[in-house]
Amino acid sequence: SASYTYGSNGFVDPIYALIIAVSAVMTAPLGARFTKQVDSNTLRKILGYFLIAVAPLVPIKQILFSNKQEAETENAEETTQSEPQPALQSRLERIEKEGLFNSMMQINTIVLGATGTIAGFASGLLGIGGGTIVTPLLAMSTDMNQKEVLGTSLLAMIIPSFVGLMQHWKLGNV
């Protein structure tokens, strides 16, 4: 799978993915159960409104990633390493060196947990989550580069997607 490819190349943060996945697993069944409360036409409208609401994130994400890529290029020019380090290892070393570890981890855990909660519910309700919710929120709330965001998002939503599918199957929607 794509998450394996990203992970084998060092572009997945398993800690971030785990935090997102745990909270998403808890809310995906709730989203799936909520589909029994609304008719199909209303679900289509909810999906349409949601997509209109998140559409502006696409250009915003592009701007954010171009700014991040410029900063990464500048940092890469300043730092010369003989071997590239895995993304998670270099990020943790930088945070620890700057003395920000505890506060950064607390903030990231809250943001990632909220991201997973929203993505899980949306995944269960609308069949979406990773690309439309997790990817933009990771891009805006972390210092991950584009490949790390994609790999982490893909890994984080594997189990919640399956849990939502199983709930829909139990409800007779599949």
Protein backbone atom coordinates (compact mmCIF):
# COMPACT_ATOMS: atom_id res chain seq x y z
CA SER A 1 0.00 0.00 0.00
CA ALA A 2 1.00 3.62 -0.33
CA SER A 3 1.44 4.07 3.43
CA TYR A 4 4.00 1.23 3.39
CA THR A 5 5.89 2.93 0.57
CA TYR A 6 5.94 6.26 2.39
CA GLY A 7 6.87 4.55 5.66
CA SER A 8 9.71 2.51 4.19
CA ASN A 9 11.19 5.74 2.86
CA GLY A 10 10.98 7.46 6.26
CA PHE A 11 8.01 9.68 5.40
CA VAL A 12 5.58 8.55 8.12
CA ASP A 13 5.37 9.76 11.69
CA PRO A 14 3.97 6.68 13.44
CA ILE A 15 3.32 8.55 16.70
CA TYR A 16 1.21 11.20 14.95
CA ALA A 17 -0.57 8.51 12.92
CA LEU A 18 -1.36 6.54 16.08
CA ILE A 19 -2.84 9.57 17.87
CA ILE A 20 -5.03 10.38 14.87
CA ALA A 21 -6.04 6.74 14.36
CA VAL A 22 -7.05 6.12 17.97
CA SER A 23 -9.38 9.11 18.11
CA ALA A 24 -10.73 8.41 14.59
CA VAL A 25 -11.49 4.78 15.48
CA MET A 26 -13.68 6.00 18.34
CA THR A 27 -15.75 8.37 16.19
CA ALA A 28 -16.00 6.52 12.85
CA PRO A 29 -18.77 4.21 14.15
CA LEU A 30 -20.66 7.27 15.45
CA GLY A 31 -20.58 8.84 12.00
CA ALA A 32 -21.75 5.60 10.43
CA ARG A 33 -24.61 5.26 12.94
CA PHE A 34 -25.63 8.86 12.28
CA THR A 35 -26.36 7.91 8.66
CA LYS A 36 -29.41 6.01 9.94
CA GLN A 37 -30.80 9.30 11.25
CA VAL A 38 -30.73 11.09 7.88
CA ASP A 39 -32.03 10.24 4.44
CA SER A 40 -29.78 9.82 1.40
CA ASN A 41 -30.66 13.21 -0.06
CA THR A 42 -29.65 14.96 3.17
CA LEU A 43 -26.37 13.01 3.25
CA ARG A 44 -25.62 14.21 -0.30
CA LYS A 45 -26.30 17.79 0.78
CA ILE A 46 -24.05 17.40 3.84
CA LEU A 47 -21.27 16.06 1.61
CA GLY A 48 -21.75 18.92 -0.86
CA TYR A 49 -21.68 21.59 1.86
CA PHE A 50 -18.64 19.96 3.42
CA LEU A 51 -16.75 19.92 0.13
CA ILE A 52 -17.62 23.58 -0.49
CA ALA A 53 -16.37 24.41 3.01
CA VAL A 54 -13.05 22.60 2.60
CA ALA A 55 -12.41 23.69 -1.01
CA PRO A 56 -10.57 26.87 0.11
CA LEU A 57 -8.11 24.65 1.99
CA VAL A 58 -6.63 23.49 -1.32
CA PRO A 59 -5.03 26.84 -2.27
CA ILE A 60 -4.26 27.58 1.39
CA LYS A 61 -2.50 24.22 1.66
CA GLN A 62 -0.51 24.99 -1.50
CA ILE A 63 0.64 28.32 -0.05
CA LEU A 64 1.55 26.68 3.26
CA PHE A 65 3.52 23.91 1.57
CA SER A 66 5.38 26.31 -0.69
CA ASN A 67 6.39 28.34 2.39
CA LYS A 68 7.44 25.15 4.18
CA GLN A 69 9.43 23.95 1.19
CA GLU A 70 11.28 27.28 1.03
CA ALA A 71 12.09 27.03 4.74
CA GLU A 72 13.20 23.40 4.35
CA THR A 73 15.43 24.34 1.42
CA GLU A 74 17.03 27.10 3.49
CA ASN A 75 17.52 24.72 6.43
CA ALA A 76 18.95 22.04 4.15
CA GLU A 77 21.48 24.51 2.78
CA GLU A 78 22.50 25.49 6.32
CA THR A 79 22.71 21.91 7.56
CA THR A 80 25.07 19.53 5.86
CA GLN A 81 24.66 15.90 6.80
CA SER A 82 26.42 12.94 5.28
CA GLU A 83 23.31 10.72 5.67
CA PRO A 84 19.69 11.88 5.65
CA GLN A 85 17.91 11.21 8.93
CA PRO A 86 14.40 9.82 9.13
CA ALA A 87 11.91 12.67 9.45
CA LEU A 88 10.65 11.70 12.90
CA GLN A 89 14.15 11.36 14.33
CA SER A 90 15.35 14.73 13.04
CA ARG A 91 12.14 16.48 14.19
CA LEU A 92 12.39 15.00 17.71
CA GLU A 93 16.08 15.93 17.94
CA ARG A 94 15.32 19.52 16.92
CA ILE A 95 12.43 19.85 19.38
CA GLU A 96 14.49 18.35 22.19
CA LYS A 97 17.49 20.56 21.41
CA GLU A 98 15.31 23.66 21.48
CA GLY A 99 13.77 22.60 24.81
CA LEU A 100 10.24 22.51 23.43
CA PHE A 101 9.56 18.81 23.75
CA ASN A 102 6.87 18.73 26.48
CA SER A 103 4.87 21.75 25.35
CA MET A 104 5.07 20.80 21.65
CA MET A 105 3.98 17.22 22.34
CA GLN A 106 1.03 18.37 24.47
CA ILE A 107 -0.19 20.83 21.82
CA ASN A 108 0.36 18.34 19.00
CA THR A 109 -1.46 15.59 20.89
CA ILE A 110 -4.51 17.80 21.38
CA VAL A 111 -4.52 19.01 17.77
CA LEU A 112 -3.93 15.52 16.38
CA GLY A 113 -6.59 14.02 18.63
CA ALA A 114 -9.11 16.64 17.49
CA THR A 115 -8.10 16.01 13.88
CA GLY A 116 -8.67 12.28 14.30
CA THR A 117 -12.01 12.86 16.02
CA ILE A 118 -13.29 15.00 13.14
CA ALA A 119 -11.81 12.74 10.47
CA GLY A 120 -13.24 9.60 12.06
CA PHE A 121 -16.76 11.00 12.28
CA ALA A 122 -16.58 12.33 8.70
CA SER A 123 -15.16 9.01 7.51
CA GLY A 124 -18.06 7.12 9.05
CA LEU A 125 -20.68 9.63 7.92
CA LEU A 126 -19.49 10.58 4.44
CA GLY A 127 -16.76 8.11 3.53
CA ILE A 128 -14.07 10.80 3.60
CA GLY A 129 -11.39 11.78 6.08
CA GLY A 130 -7.74 11.34 5.18
CA GLY A 131 -7.38 13.51 2.12
CA THR A 132 -9.94 16.15 2.93
CA ILE A 133 -9.45 16.49 6.68
CA VAL A 134 -6.24 14.92 7.98
CA THR A 135 -3.92 16.07 5.19
CA PRO A 136 -4.81 19.80 5.34
CA LEU A 137 -4.88 19.86 9.14
CA LEU A 138 -1.49 18.13 9.40
CA ALA A 139 -0.13 20.59 6.86
CA MET A 140 -1.37 23.57 8.80
CA SER A 141 -0.66 22.39 12.34
CA THR A 142 2.68 20.57 12.13
CA ASP A 143 6.16 21.13 10.75
CA MET A 144 5.89 18.06 8.49
CA ASN A 145 6.83 18.27 4.83
CA GLN A 146 4.38 17.23 2.09
CA LYS A 147 5.56 13.62 1.88
CA GLU A 148 5.39 13.18 5.67
CA VAL A 149 1.88 14.64 5.73
CA LEU A 150 0.68 12.28 3.00
CA GLY A 151 2.32 9.18 4.46
CA THR A 152 1.11 9.89 7.98
CA SER A 153 -2.42 10.67 6.78
CA LEU A 154 -2.57 7.44 4.77
CA LEU A 155 -1.37 5.32 7.68
CA ALA A 156 -3.62 7.04 10.23
CA MET A 157 -6.84 6.38 8.33
CA ILE A 158 -6.40 2.67 7.49
CA ILE A 159 -7.97 1.26 10.65
CA PRO A 160 -10.65 3.98 11.11
CA SER A 161 -11.81 3.41 7.52
CA PHE A 162 -12.13 -0.31 8.20
CA VAL A 163 -14.01 0.34 11.47
CA GLY A 164 -16.43 2.67 9.66
CA LEU A 165 -16.90 0.05 6.93
CA MET A 166 -17.70 -2.65 9.48
CA GLN A 167 -20.25 -0.40 11.19
CA HIS A 168 -21.92 0.32 7.84
CA TRP A 169 -21.94 -3.42 7.14
CA LYS A 170 -23.65 -4.09 10.50
CA LEU A 171 -26.22 -1.40 9.69
CA GLY A 172 -26.93 -3.02 6.31
CA ASN A 173 -25.52 -0.13 4.26
CA VAL A 174 -22.95 -2.29 2.47
